[in-house]
Amino acid sequence: MDFWGFFWLMIWGFFFVAYLIVLVQVVIDLFRDDELSGWAKAAWVLALLALPALTALVYLGVRGRGMSARQRGRGAVPPEPSDVQVIQAATPVQQIAHAKTLLDSGAITADEFAAIKARALG
């Protein structure tokens, strides 16, 4: 095989792998979408089996905008707060002291101060 034959093999191989990735992403998005009925999902899958390239292009054009939103919406569970975030959280004493400062400056009323104090202690 000469250089140009190898070169074109690599080019076509790249596009084939990219095409397979698009097909897999479309199928994943189909099953991730809660808005589509089972029949609609089945129709898309049958269309992908019959005319895969055309169906993938149509799917990306029609439903592509929501693909990223569906992928973001199914992210990993948010991590627990780190030790630094827990340490930096205001203690009830700090919350009451801050509320007292606001009360003394006239920014809040005595009723609001009592509500903040009850929330901090409760």
PDB file of N, CA and C in Angstrom:
ATOM      1  N   MET A   1       0.865  -1.180   0.000  1.00  0.00           N
ATOM      2  CA  MET A   1       0.000   0.000   0.000  1.00  0.00           C
ATOM      3  C   MET A   1       0.902   1.231   0.000  1.00  0.00           C
ATOM      4  N   ASP A   2       0.650   2.137  -0.895  1.00  0.00           N
ATOM      5  CA  ASP A   2       1.452   3.343  -0.969  1.00  0.00           C
ATOM      6  C   ASP A   2       0.968   4.382   0.053  1.00  0.00           C
ATOM      7  N   PHE A   3       1.671   5.501   0.086  1.00  0.00           N
ATOM      8  CA  PHE A   3       1.370   6.549   1.056  1.00  0.00           C
ATOM      9  C   PHE A   3      -0.050   7.078   0.912  1.00  0.00           C
ATOM     10  N   TRP A   4      -0.471   7.359  -0.314  1.00  0.00           N
ATOM     11  CA  TRP A   4      -1.790   7.959  -0.519  1.00  0.00           C
ATOM     12  C   TRP A   4      -2.913   6.988  -0.189  1.00  0.00           C
ATOM     13  N   GLY A   5      -2.705   5.721  -0.442  1.00  0.00           N
ATOM     14  CA  GLY A   5      -3.701   4.730  -0.055  1.00  0.00           C
ATOM     15  C   GLY A   5      -3.863   4.682   1.463  1.00  0.00           C
ATOM     16  N   PHE A   6      -2.736   4.717   2.160  1.00  0.00           N
ATOM     17  CA  PHE A   6      -2.777   4.734   3.629  1.00  0.00           C
ATOM     18  C   PHE A   6      -3.409   6.029   4.145  1.00  0.00           C
ATOM     19  N   PHE A   7      -3.060   7.137   3.513  1.00  0.00           N
ATOM     20  CA  PHE A   7      -3.610   8.439   3.908  1.00  0.00           C
ATOM     21  C   PHE A   7      -5.140   8.436   3.811  1.00  0.00           C
ATOM     22  N   TRP A   8      -5.677   7.969   2.673  1.00  0.00           N
ATOM     23  CA  TRP A   8      -7.130   7.961   2.494  1.00  0.00           C
ATOM     24  C   TRP A   8      -7.807   6.947   3.408  1.00  0.00           C
ATOM     25  N   LEU A   9      -7.112   5.857   3.715  1.00  0.00           N
ATOM     26  CA  LEU A   9      -7.645   4.893   4.664  1.00  0.00           C
ATOM     27  C   LEU A   9      -7.814   5.537   6.049  1.00  0.00           C
ATOM     28  N   MET A  10      -6.841   6.326   6.451  1.00  0.00           N
ATOM     29  CA  MET A  10      -6.922   7.016   7.748  1.00  0.00           C
ATOM     30  C   MET A  10      -8.044   8.067   7.745  1.00  0.00           C
ATOM     31  N   ILE A  11      -8.180   8.798   6.672  1.00  0.00           N
ATOM     32  CA  ILE A  11      -9.241   9.808   6.569  1.00  0.00           C
ATOM     33  C   ILE A  11     -10.611   9.146   6.666  1.00  0.00           C
ATOM     34  N   TRP A  12     -10.840   8.106   5.862  1.00  0.00           N
ATOM     35  CA  TRP A  12     -12.142   7.422   5.885  1.00  0.00           C
ATOM     36  C   TRP A  12     -12.365   6.725   7.217  1.00  0.00           C
ATOM     37  N   GLY A  13     -11.313   6.200   7.806  1.00  0.00           N
ATOM     38  CA  GLY A  13     -11.432   5.573   9.116  1.00  0.00           C
ATOM     39  C   GLY A  13     -11.860   6.580  10.176  1.00  0.00           C
ATOM     40  N   PHE A  14     -11.293   7.788  10.106  1.00  0.00           N
ATOM     41  CA  PHE A  14     -11.677   8.847  11.043  1.00  0.00           C
ATOM     42  C   PHE A  14     -13.157   9.186  10.909  1.00  0.00           C
ATOM     43  N   PHE A  15     -13.611   9.374   9.677  1.00  0.00           N
ATOM     44  CA  PHE A  15     -15.021   9.721   9.478  1.00  0.00           C
ATOM     45  C   PHE A  15     -15.954   8.591   9.883  1.00  0.00           C
ATOM     46  N   PHE A  16     -15.538   7.352   9.683  1.00  0.00           N
ATOM     47  CA  PHE A  16     -16.366   6.219  10.085  1.00  0.00           C
ATOM     48  C   PHE A  16     -16.504   6.158  11.609  1.00  0.00           C
ATOM     49  N   VAL A  17     -15.409   6.368  12.330  1.00  0.00           N
ATOM     50  CA  VAL A  17     -15.470   6.363  13.798  1.00  0.00           C
ATOM     51  C   VAL A  17     -16.318   7.538  14.294  1.00  0.00           C
ATOM     52  N   ALA A  18     -16.176   8.703  13.682  1.00  0.00           N
ATOM     53  CA  ALA A  18     -16.999   9.857  14.063  1.00  0.00           C
ATOM     54  C   ALA A  18     -18.477   9.567  13.818  1.00  0.00           C
ATOM     55  N   TYR A  19     -18.785   8.914  12.718  1.00  0.00           N
ATOM     56  CA  TYR A  19     -20.153   8.536  12.383  1.00  0.00           C
ATOM     57  C   TYR A  19     -20.710   7.570  13.437  1.00  0.00           C
ATOM     58  N   LEU A  20     -19.919   6.584  13.843  1.00  0.00           N
ATOM     59  CA  LEU A  20     -20.365   5.643  14.875  1.00  0.00           C
ATOM     60  C   LEU A  20     -20.612   6.350  16.208  1.00  0.00           C
ATOM     61  N   ILE A  21     -19.772   7.315  16.547  1.00  0.00           N
ATOM     62  CA  ILE A  21     -19.960   8.069  17.789  1.00  0.00           C
ATOM     63  C   ILE A  21     -21.266   8.853  17.744  1.00  0.00           C
ATOM     64  N   VAL A  22     -21.567   9.465  16.606  1.00  0.00           N
ATOM     65  CA  VAL A  22     -22.826  10.209  16.462  1.00  0.00           C
ATOM     66  C   VAL A  22     -24.014   9.265  16.620  1.00  0.00           C
ATOM     67  N   LEU A  23     -23.960   8.097  15.996  1.00  0.00           N
ATOM     68  CA  LEU A  23     -25.062   7.141  16.120  1.00  0.00           C
ATOM     69  C   LEU A  23     -25.265   6.715  17.571  1.00  0.00           C
ATOM     70  N   VAL A  24     -24.182   6.444  18.271  1.00  0.00           N
ATOM     71  CA  VAL A  24     -24.293   6.035  19.680  1.00  0.00           C
ATOM     72  C   VAL A  24     -24.876   7.170  20.513  1.00  0.00           C
ATOM     73  N   GLN A  25     -24.456   8.399  20.267  1.00  0.00           N
ATOM     74  CA  GLN A  25     -24.983   9.536  21.017  1.00  0.00           C
ATOM     75  C   GLN A  25     -26.472   9.734  20.752  1.00  0.00           C
ATOM     76  N   VAL A  26     -26.899   9.529  19.525  1.00  0.00           N
ATOM     77  CA  VAL A  26     -28.321   9.660  19.189  1.00  0.00           C
ATOM     78  C   VAL A  26     -29.133   8.602  19.927  1.00  0.00           C
ATOM     79  N   VAL A  27     -28.651   7.369  19.946  1.00  0.00           N
ATOM     80  CA  VAL A  27     -29.378   6.301  20.639  1.00  0.00           C
ATOM     81  C   VAL A  27     -29.423   6.570  22.136  1.00  0.00           C
ATOM     82  N   ILE A  28     -28.311   7.020  22.715  1.00  0.00           N
ATOM     83  CA  ILE A  28     -28.289   7.350  24.145  1.00  0.00           C
ATOM     84  C   ILE A  28     -29.285   8.467  24.433  1.00  0.00           C
ATOM     85  N   ASP A  29     -29.294   9.495  23.587  1.00  0.00           N
ATOM     86  CA  ASP A  29     -30.217  10.608  23.805  1.00  0.00           C
ATOM     87  C   ASP A  29     -31.667  10.172  23.667  1.00  0.00           C
ATOM     88  N   LEU A  30     -31.940   9.258  22.757  1.00  0.00           N
ATOM     89  CA  LEU A  30     -33.309   8.759  22.597  1.00  0.00           C
ATOM     90  C   LEU A  30     -33.816   8.138  23.894  1.00  0.00           C
ATOM     91  N   PHE A  31     -33.002   7.304  24.486  1.00  0.00           N
ATOM     92  CA  PHE A  31     -33.451   6.614  25.693  1.00  0.00           C
ATOM     93  C   PHE A  31     -33.372   7.504  26.930  1.00  0.00           C
ATOM     94  N   ARG A  32     -32.652   8.606  26.851  1.00  0.00           N
ATOM     95  CA  ARG A  32     -32.562   9.536  27.969  1.00  0.00           C
ATOM     96  C   ARG A  32     -33.748  10.509  28.002  1.00  0.00           C
ATOM     97  N   ASP A  33     -34.395  10.715  26.865  1.00  0.00           N
ATOM     98  CA  ASP A  33     -35.457  11.714  26.737  1.00  0.00           C
ATOM     99  C   ASP A  33     -36.755  11.200  27.359  1.00  0.00           C
ATOM    100  N   ASP A  34     -37.233  11.896  28.387  1.00  0.00           N
ATOM    101  CA  ASP A  34     -38.479  11.531  29.063  1.00  0.00           C
ATOM    102  C   ASP A  34     -39.717  12.040  28.335  1.00  0.00           C
ATOM    103  N   GLU A  35     -39.552  12.992  27.432  1.00  0.00           N
ATOM    104  CA  GLU A  35     -40.695  13.578  26.738  1.00  0.00           C
ATOM    105  C   GLU A  35     -41.210  12.695  25.604  1.00  0.00           C
ATOM    106  N   LEU A  36     -40.342  11.889  25.014  1.00  0.00           N
ATOM    107  CA  LEU A  36     -40.755  11.031  23.901  1.00  0.00           C
ATOM    108  C   LEU A  36     -41.469   9.794  24.423  1.00  0.00           C
ATOM    109  N   SER A  37     -42.511   9.382  23.703  1.00  0.00           N
ATOM    110  CA  SER A  37     -43.204   8.149  24.073  1.00  0.00           C
ATOM    111  C   SER A  37     -42.379   6.950  23.603  1.00  0.00           C
ATOM    112  N   GLY A  38     -42.757   5.806  24.079  1.00  0.00           N
ATOM    113  CA  GLY A  38     -42.069   4.592  23.667  1.00  0.00           C
ATOM    114  C   GLY A  38     -42.185   4.333  22.178  1.00  0.00           C
ATOM    115  N   TRP A  39     -43.348   4.643  21.615  1.00  0.00           N
ATOM    116  CA  TRP A  39     -43.551   4.451  20.180  1.00  0.00           C
ATOM    117  C   TRP A  39     -42.675   5.383  19.355  1.00  0.00           C
ATOM    118  N   ALA A  40     -42.536   6.605  19.812  1.00  0.00           N
ATOM    119  CA  ALA A  40     -41.681   7.555  19.093  1.00  0.00           C
ATOM    120  C   ALA A  40     -40.222   7.105  19.145  1.00  0.00           C
ATOM    121  N   LYS A  41     -39.804   6.594  20.307  1.00  0.00           N
ATOM    122  CA  LYS A  41     -38.436   6.083  20.419  1.00  0.00           C
ATOM    123  C   LYS A  41     -38.233   4.893  19.492  1.00  0.00           C
ATOM    124  N   ALA A  42     -39.224   4.013  19.444  1.00  0.00           N
ATOM    125  CA  ALA A  42     -39.136   2.850  18.554  1.00  0.00           C
ATOM    126  C   ALA A  42     -39.061   3.284  17.097  1.00  0.00           C
ATOM    127  N   ALA A  43     -39.820   4.300  16.717  1.00  0.00           N
ATOM    128  CA  ALA A  43     -39.802   4.791  15.336  1.00  0.00           C
ATOM    129  C   ALA A  43     -38.420   5.351  14.984  1.00  0.00           C
ATOM    130  N   TRP A  44     -37.819   6.127  15.895  1.00  0.00           N
ATOM    131  CA  TRP A  44     -36.491   6.662  15.648  1.00  0.00           C
ATOM    132  C   TRP A  44     -35.465   5.542  15.510  1.00  0.00           C
ATOM    133  N   VAL A  45     -35.551   4.527  16.375  1.00  0.00           N
ATOM    134  CA  VAL A  45     -34.601   3.417  16.294  1.00  0.00           C
ATOM    135  C   VAL A  45     -34.769   2.654  14.984  1.00  0.00           C
ATOM    136  N   LEU A  46     -36.013   2.398  14.568  1.00  0.00           N
ATOM    137  CA  LEU A  46     -36.236   1.721  13.282  1.00  0.00           C
ATOM    138  C   LEU A  46     -35.697   2.550  12.121  1.00  0.00           C
ATOM    139  N   ALA A  47     -35.897   3.861  12.199  1.00  0.00           N
ATOM    140  CA  ALA A  47     -35.370   4.730  11.141  1.00  0.00           C
ATOM    141  C   ALA A  47     -33.845   4.697  11.139  1.00  0.00           C
ATOM    142  N   LEU A  48     -33.238   4.634  12.334  1.00  0.00           N
ATOM    143  CA  LEU A  48     -31.777   4.540  12.403  1.00  0.00           C
ATOM    144  C   LEU A  48     -31.274   3.228  11.794  1.00  0.00           C
ATOM    145  N   LEU A  49     -32.035   2.171  11.965  1.00  0.00           N
ATOM    146  CA  LEU A  49     -31.631   0.886  11.381  1.00  0.00           C
ATOM    147  C   LEU A  49     -31.810   0.880   9.870  1.00  0.00           C
ATOM    148  N   ALA A  50     -32.851   1.544   9.368  1.00  0.00           N
ATOM    149  CA  ALA A  50     -33.138   1.536   7.938  1.00  0.00           C
ATOM    150  C   ALA A  50     -32.216   2.492   7.169  1.00  0.00           C
ATOM    151  N   LEU A  51     -32.146   3.735   7.603  1.00  0.00           N
ATOM    152  CA  LEU A  51     -31.321   4.759   6.939  1.00  0.00           C
ATOM    153  C   LEU A  51     -30.497   5.494   8.001  1.00  0.00           C
ATOM    154  N   PRO A  52     -29.427   4.899   8.490  1.00  0.00           N
ATOM    155  CA  PRO A  52     -28.732   5.458   9.650  1.00  0.00           C
ATOM    156  C   PRO A  52     -28.159   6.859   9.444  1.00  0.00           C
ATOM    157  N   ALA A  53     -27.480   7.103   8.338  1.00  0.00           N
ATOM    158  CA  ALA A  53     -26.840   8.404   8.159  1.00  0.00           C
ATOM    159  C   ALA A  53     -27.877   9.514   8.022  1.00  0.00           C
ATOM    160  N   LEU A  54     -28.885   9.300   7.191  1.00  0.00           N
ATOM    161  CA  LEU A  54     -29.925  10.310   6.989  1.00  0.00           C
ATOM    162  C   LEU A  54     -30.715  10.551   8.274  1.00  0.00           C
ATOM    163  N   THR A  55     -31.056   9.472   8.969  1.00  0.00           N
ATOM    164  CA  THR A  55     -31.822   9.614  10.212  1.00  0.00           C
ATOM    165  C   THR A  55     -31.020  10.358  11.268  1.00  0.00           C
ATOM    166  N   ALA A  56     -29.729  10.066  11.371  1.00  0.00           N
ATOM    167  CA  ALA A  56     -28.891  10.758  12.350  1.00  0.00           C
ATOM    168  C   ALA A  56     -28.834  12.250  12.052  1.00  0.00           C
ATOM    169  N   LEU A  57     -28.696  12.607  10.779  1.00  0.00           N
ATOM    170  CA  LEU A  57     -28.675  14.026  10.417  1.00  0.00           C
ATOM    171  C   LEU A  57     -30.014  14.697  10.722  1.00  0.00           C
ATOM    172  N   VAL A  58     -31.115  14.027  10.402  1.00  0.00           N
ATOM    173  CA  VAL A  58     -32.437  14.583  10.688  1.00  0.00           C
ATOM    174  C   VAL A  58     -32.627  14.729  12.193  1.00  0.00           C
ATOM    175  N   TYR A  59     -32.215  13.717  12.961  1.00  0.00           N
ATOM    176  CA  TYR A  59     -32.354  13.771  14.418  1.00  0.00           C
ATOM    177  C   TYR A  59     -31.576  14.947  14.993  1.00  0.00           C
ATOM    178  N   LEU A  60     -30.347  15.125  14.528  1.00  0.00           N
ATOM    179  CA  LEU A  60     -29.538  16.241  15.028  1.00  0.00           C
ATOM    180  C   LEU A  60     -30.170  17.584  14.672  1.00  0.00           C
ATOM    181  N   GLY A  61     -30.789  17.660  13.513  1.00  0.00           N
ATOM    182  CA  GLY A  61     -31.434  18.906  13.121  1.00  0.00           C
ATOM    183  C   GLY A  61     -32.714  19.177  13.890  1.00  0.00           C
ATOM    184  N   VAL A  62     -33.501  18.124  14.130  1.00  0.00           N
ATOM    185  CA  VAL A  62     -34.804  18.299  14.778  1.00  0.00           C
ATOM    186  C   VAL A  62     -34.685  18.352  16.296  1.00  0.00           C
ATOM    187  N   ARG A  63     -33.913  17.465  16.875  1.00  0.00           N
ATOM    188  CA  ARG A  63     -33.869  17.328  18.327  1.00  0.00           C
ATOM    189  C   ARG A  63     -32.503  17.642  18.921  1.00  0.00           C
ATOM    190  N   GLY A  64     -31.572  18.119  18.107  1.00  0.00           N
ATOM    191  CA  GLY A  64     -30.201  18.356  18.559  1.00  0.00           C
ATOM    192  C   GLY A  64     -30.066  19.414  19.631  1.00  0.00           C
ATOM    193  N   ARG A  65     -30.944  20.411  19.610  1.00  0.00           N
ATOM    194  CA  ARG A  65     -30.842  21.499  20.575  1.00  0.00           C
ATOM    195  C   ARG A  65     -31.041  21.004  22.002  1.00  0.00           C
ATOM    196  N   GLY A  66     -31.906  20.041  22.192  1.00  0.00           N
ATOM    197  CA  GLY A  66     -32.175  19.546  23.534  1.00  0.00           C
ATOM    198  C   GLY A  66     -31.204  18.477  24.008  1.00  0.00           C
ATOM    199  N   MET A  67     -30.320  18.003  23.102  1.00  0.00           N
ATOM    200  CA  MET A  67     -29.401  16.938  23.497  1.00  0.00           C
ATOM    201  C   MET A  67     -28.467  17.378  24.619  1.00  0.00           C
ATOM    202  N   SER A  68     -27.906  18.551  24.520  1.00  0.00           N
ATOM    203  CA  SER A  68     -26.976  19.007  25.558  1.00  0.00           C
ATOM    204  C   SER A  68     -27.710  19.252  26.869  1.00  0.00           C
ATOM    205  N   ALA A  69     -28.936  19.764  26.793  1.00  0.00           N
ATOM    206  CA  ALA A  69     -29.704  19.995  28.026  1.00  0.00           C
ATOM    207  C   ALA A  69     -30.035  18.676  28.711  1.00  0.00           C
ATOM    208  N   ARG A  70     -30.392  17.668  27.926  1.00  0.00           N
ATOM    209  CA  ARG A  70     -30.676  16.358  28.524  1.00  0.00           C
ATOM    210  C   ARG A  70     -29.423  15.738  29.107  1.00  0.00           C
ATOM    211  N   GLN A  71     -28.290  15.960  28.466  1.00  0.00           N
ATOM    212  CA  GLN A  71     -27.051  15.397  28.981  1.00  0.00           C
ATOM    213  C   GLN A  71     -26.630  16.107  30.265  1.00  0.00           C
ATOM    214  N   ARG A  72     -26.803  17.417  30.330  1.00  0.00           N
ATOM    215  CA  ARG A  72     -26.465  18.152  31.558  1.00  0.00           C
ATOM    216  C   ARG A  72     -27.417  17.808  32.685  1.00  0.00           C
ATOM    217  N   GLY A  73     -28.679  17.590  32.355  1.00  0.00           N
ATOM    218  CA  GLY A  73     -29.666  17.301  33.388  1.00  0.00           C
ATOM    219  C   GLY A  73     -29.457  15.971  34.066  1.00  0.00           C
ATOM    220  N   ARG A  74     -28.723  15.076  33.447  1.00  0.00           N
ATOM    221  CA  ARG A  74     -28.491  13.745  34.012  1.00  0.00           C
ATOM    222  C   ARG A  74     -27.067  13.616  34.526  1.00  0.00           C
ATOM    223  N   GLY A  75     -26.473  14.704  34.984  1.00  0.00           N
ATOM    224  CA  GLY A  75     -25.101  14.643  35.469  1.00  0.00           C
ATOM    225  C   GLY A  75     -24.978  13.835  36.749  1.00  0.00           C
ATOM    226  N   ALA A  76     -23.784  13.761  37.226  1.00  0.00           N
ATOM    227  CA  ALA A  76     -23.513  13.006  38.445  1.00  0.00           C
ATOM    228  C   ALA A  76     -24.169  13.682  39.644  1.00  0.00           C
ATOM    229  N   VAL A  77     -24.341  12.935  40.687  1.00  0.00           N
ATOM    230  CA  VAL A  77     -24.904  13.466  41.917  1.00  0.00           C
ATOM    231  C   VAL A  77     -23.953  14.533  42.439  1.00  0.00           C
ATOM    232  N   PRO A  78     -24.471  15.685  42.876  1.00  0.00           N
ATOM    233  CA  PRO A  78     -23.576  16.727  43.353  1.00  0.00           C
ATOM    234  C   PRO A  78     -22.751  16.227  44.537  1.00  0.00           C
ATOM    235  N   PRO A  79     -21.490  16.598  44.585  1.00  0.00           N
ATOM    236  CA  PRO A  79     -20.636  16.114  45.666  1.00  0.00           C
ATOM    237  C   PRO A  79     -21.045  16.705  47.015  1.00  0.00           C
ATOM    238  N   GLU A  80     -20.691  15.989  48.041  1.00  0.00           N
ATOM    239  CA  GLU A  80     -20.926  16.485  49.392  1.00  0.00           C
ATOM    240  C   GLU A  80     -20.062  17.713  49.598  1.00  0.00           C
ATOM    241  N   PRO A  81     -20.487  18.641  50.477  1.00  0.00           N
ATOM    242  CA  PRO A  81     -19.641  19.808  50.716  1.00  0.00           C
ATOM    243  C   PRO A  81     -18.289  19.374  51.277  1.00  0.00           C
ATOM    244  N   SER A  82     -17.249  20.043  50.824  1.00  0.00           N
ATOM    245  CA  SER A  82     -15.911  19.712  51.296  1.00  0.00           C
ATOM    246  C   SER A  82     -15.734  20.200  52.728  1.00  0.00           C
ATOM    247  N   ASP A  83     -14.668  19.743  53.354  1.00  0.00           N
ATOM    248  CA  ASP A  83     -14.378  20.156  54.728  1.00  0.00           C
ATOM    249  C   ASP A  83     -14.197  21.665  54.820  1.00  0.00           C
ATOM    250  N   VAL A  84     -13.602  22.258  53.782  1.00  0.00           N
ATOM    251  CA  VAL A  84     -13.398  23.706  53.790  1.00  0.00           C
ATOM    252  C   VAL A  84     -14.739  24.424  53.788  1.00  0.00           C
ATOM    253  N   GLN A  85     -15.700  23.953  52.984  1.00  0.00           N
ATOM    254  CA  GLN A  85     -17.011  24.590  52.941  1.00  0.00           C
ATOM    255  C   GLN A  85     -17.736  24.419  54.272  1.00  0.00           C
ATOM    256  N   VAL A  86     -17.591  23.264  54.903  1.00  0.00           N
ATOM    257  CA  VAL A  86     -18.246  23.038  56.187  1.00  0.00           C
ATOM    258  C   VAL A  86     -17.641  23.936  57.248  1.00  0.00           C
ATOM    259  N   ILE A  87     -16.323  24.082  57.227  1.00  0.00           N
ATOM    260  CA  ILE A  87     -15.648  24.919  58.225  1.00  0.00           C
ATOM    261  C   ILE A  87     -16.026  26.379  58.035  1.00  0.00           C
ATOM    262  N   GLN A  88     -16.208  26.819  56.783  1.00  0.00           N
ATOM    263  CA  GLN A  88     -16.509  28.215  56.507  1.00  0.00           C
ATOM    264  C   GLN A  88     -17.976  28.566  56.729  1.00  0.00           C
ATOM    265  N   ALA A  89     -18.821  27.591  57.002  1.00  0.00           N
ATOM    266  CA  ALA A  89     -20.231  27.875  57.244  1.00  0.00           C
ATOM    267  C   ALA A  89     -20.366  28.681  58.537  1.00  0.00           C
ATOM    268  N   ALA A  90     -21.279  29.642  58.509  1.00  0.00           N
ATOM    269  CA  ALA A  90     -21.478  30.494  59.677  1.00  0.00           C
ATOM    270  C   ALA A  90     -22.109  29.699  60.819  1.00  0.00           C
ATOM    271  N   THR A  91     -21.563  29.864  62.001  1.00  0.00           N
ATOM    272  CA  THR A  91     -22.113  29.197  63.171  1.00  0.00           C
ATOM    273  C   THR A  91     -23.329  29.988  63.655  1.00  0.00           C
ATOM    274  N   PRO A  92     -24.172  29.383  64.503  1.00  0.00           N
ATOM    275  CA  PRO A  92     -25.310  30.137  65.038  1.00  0.00           C
ATOM    276  C   PRO A  92     -24.888  31.406  65.766  1.00  0.00           C
ATOM    277  N   VAL A  93     -23.772  31.344  66.460  1.00  0.00           N
ATOM    278  CA  VAL A  93     -23.283  32.537  67.183  1.00  0.00           C
ATOM    279  C   VAL A  93     -22.933  33.638  66.192  1.00  0.00           C
ATOM    280  N   GLN A  94     -22.271  33.272  65.086  1.00  0.00           N
ATOM    281  CA  GLN A  94     -21.922  34.262  64.072  1.00  0.00           C
ATOM    282  C   GLN A  94     -23.167  34.845  63.406  1.00  0.00           C
ATOM    283  N   GLN A  95     -24.168  33.991  63.149  1.00  0.00           N
ATOM    284  CA  GLN A  95     -25.404  34.477  62.546  1.00  0.00           C
ATOM    285  C   GLN A  95     -26.113  35.459  63.461  1.00  0.00           C
ATOM    286  N   ILE A  96     -26.172  35.132  64.758  1.00  0.00           N
ATOM    287  CA  ILE A  96     -26.842  36.024  65.720  1.00  0.00           C
ATOM    288  C   ILE A  96     -26.063  37.322  65.865  1.00  0.00           C
ATOM    289  N   ALA A  97     -24.725  37.255  65.902  1.00  0.00           N
ATOM    290  CA  ALA A  97     -23.908  38.464  66.011  1.00  0.00           C
ATOM    291  C   ALA A  97     -24.107  39.366  64.792  1.00  0.00           C
ATOM    292  N   HIS A  98     -24.173  38.763  63.621  1.00  0.00           N
ATOM    293  CA  HIS A  98     -24.403  39.554  62.409  1.00  0.00           C
ATOM    294  C   HIS A  98     -25.794  40.187  62.445  1.00  0.00           C
ATOM    295  N   ALA A  99     -26.795  39.421  62.876  1.00  0.00           N
ATOM    296  CA  ALA A  99     -28.151  39.960  62.982  1.00  0.00           C
ATOM    297  C   ALA A  99     -28.209  41.092  63.993  1.00  0.00           C
ATOM    298  N   LYS A 100     -27.470  40.959  65.091  1.00  0.00           N
ATOM    299  CA  LYS A 100     -27.441  42.019  66.118  1.00  0.00           C
ATOM    300  C   LYS A 100     -26.829  43.294  65.545  1.00  0.00           C
ATOM    301  N   THR A 101     -25.778  43.133  64.741  1.00  0.00           N
ATOM    302  CA  THR A 101     -25.166  44.287  64.086  1.00  0.00           C
ATOM    303  C   THR A 101     -26.175  44.968  63.159  1.00  0.00           C
ATOM    304  N   LEU A 102     -26.928  44.168  62.416  1.00  0.00           N
ATOM    305  CA  LEU A 102     -27.949  44.726  61.525  1.00  0.00           C
ATOM    306  C   LEU A 102     -29.056  45.417  62.327  1.00  0.00           C
ATOM    307  N   LEU A 103     -29.424  44.829  63.459  1.00  0.00           N
ATOM    308  CA  LEU A 103     -30.456  45.435  64.314  1.00  0.00           C
ATOM    309  C   LEU A 103     -29.978  46.767  64.861  1.00  0.00           C
ATOM    310  N   ASP A 104     -28.733  46.820  65.334  1.00  0.00           N
ATOM    311  CA  ASP A 104     -28.179  48.056  65.890  1.00  0.00           C
ATOM    312  C   ASP A 104     -28.052  49.150  64.842  1.00  0.00           C
ATOM    313  N   SER A 105     -27.804  48.758  63.577  1.00  0.00           N
ATOM    314  CA  SER A 105     -27.677  49.765  62.523  1.00  0.00           C
ATOM    315  C   SER A 105     -29.037  50.207  61.983  1.00  0.00           C
ATOM    316  N   GLY A 106     -30.100  49.493  62.392  1.00  0.00           N
ATOM    317  CA  GLY A 106     -31.437  49.849  61.940  1.00  0.00           C
ATOM    318  C   GLY A 106     -31.829  49.197  60.626  1.00  0.00           C
ATOM    319  N   ALA A 107     -31.036  48.277  60.145  1.00  0.00           N
ATOM    320  CA  ALA A 107     -31.331  47.623  58.867  1.00  0.00           C
ATOM    321  C   ALA A 107     -32.472  46.624  59.005  1.00  0.00           C
ATOM    322  N   ILE A 108     -32.655  46.047  60.193  1.00  0.00           N
ATOM    323  CA  ILE A 108     -33.740  45.107  60.429  1.00  0.00           C
ATOM    324  C   ILE A 108     -34.476  45.513  61.694  1.00  0.00           C
ATOM    325  N   THR A 109     -35.686  45.017  61.833  1.00  0.00           N
ATOM    326  CA  THR A 109     -36.496  45.318  63.007  1.00  0.00           C
ATOM    327  C   THR A 109     -36.241  44.271  64.090  1.00  0.00           C
ATOM    328  N   ALA A 110     -36.792  44.532  65.265  1.00  0.00           N
ATOM    329  CA  ALA A 110     -36.631  43.602  66.382  1.00  0.00           C
ATOM    330  C   ALA A 110     -37.314  42.270  66.081  1.00  0.00           C
ATOM    331  N   ASP A 111     -38.437  42.308  65.374  1.00  0.00           N
ATOM    332  CA  ASP A 111     -39.115  41.061  65.005  1.00  0.00           C
ATOM    333  C   ASP A 111     -38.267  40.234  64.046  1.00  0.00           C
ATOM    334  N   GLU A 112     -37.641  40.905  63.075  1.00  0.00           N
ATOM    335  CA  GLU A 112     -36.766  40.193  62.149  1.00  0.00           C
ATOM    336  C   GLU A 112     -35.561  39.603  62.873  1.00  0.00           C
ATOM    337  N   PHE A 113     -35.012  40.361  63.830  1.00  0.00           N
ATOM    338  CA  PHE A 113     -33.893  39.845  64.624  1.00  0.00           C
ATOM    339  C   PHE A 113     -34.311  38.602  65.396  1.00  0.00           C
ATOM    340  N   ALA A 114     -35.497  38.626  65.982  1.00  0.00           N
ATOM    341  CA  ALA A 114     -35.982  37.467  66.738  1.00  0.00           C
ATOM    342  C   ALA A 114     -36.176  36.260  65.821  1.00  0.00           C
ATOM    343  N   ALA A 115     -36.646  36.493  64.593  1.00  0.00           N
ATOM    344  CA  ALA A 115     -36.838  35.395  63.648  1.00  0.00           C
ATOM    345  C   ALA A 115     -35.494  34.796  63.240  1.00  0.00           C
ATOM    346  N   ILE A 116     -34.501  35.650  62.995  1.00  0.00           N
ATOM    347  CA  ILE A 116     -33.169  35.160  62.626  1.00  0.00           C
ATOM    348  C   ILE A 116     -32.555  34.387  63.782  1.00  0.00           C
ATOM    349  N   LYS A 117     -32.718  34.914  64.983  1.00  0.00           N
ATOM    350  CA  LYS A 117     -32.168  34.253  66.165  1.00  0.00           C
ATOM    351  C   LYS A 117     -32.824  32.884  66.371  1.00  0.00           C
ATOM    352  N   ALA A 118     -34.136  32.802  66.201  1.00  0.00           N
ATOM    353  CA  ALA A 118     -34.845  31.530  66.371  1.00  0.00           C
ATOM    354  C   ALA A 118     -34.392  30.533  65.293  1.00  0.00           C
ATOM    355  N   ARG A 119     -34.224  31.017  64.072  1.00  0.00           N
ATOM    356  CA  ARG A 119     -33.776  30.137  62.988  1.00  0.00           C
ATOM    357  C   ARG A 119     -32.352  29.643  63.239  1.00  0.00           C
ATOM    358  N   ALA A 120     -31.474  30.513  63.759  1.00  0.00           N
ATOM    359  CA  ALA A 120     -30.093  30.111  64.025  1.00  0.00           C
ATOM    360  C   ALA A 120     -30.011  29.105  65.168  1.00  0.00           C
ATOM    361  N   LEU A 121     -30.857  29.275  66.162  1.00  0.00           N
ATOM    362  CA  LEU A 121     -30.823  28.370  67.311  1.00  0.00           C
ATOM    363  C   LEU A 121     -31.633  27.104  67.088  1.00  0.00           C
ATOM    364  N   GLY A 122     -32.580  27.153  66.167  1.00  0.00           N
ATOM    365  CA  GLY A 122     -33.483  26.008  65.966  1.00  0.00           C
ATOM    366  C   GLY A 122     -32.968  25.077  64.986  1.00  0.00           C
TER     367      GLY A 122
END
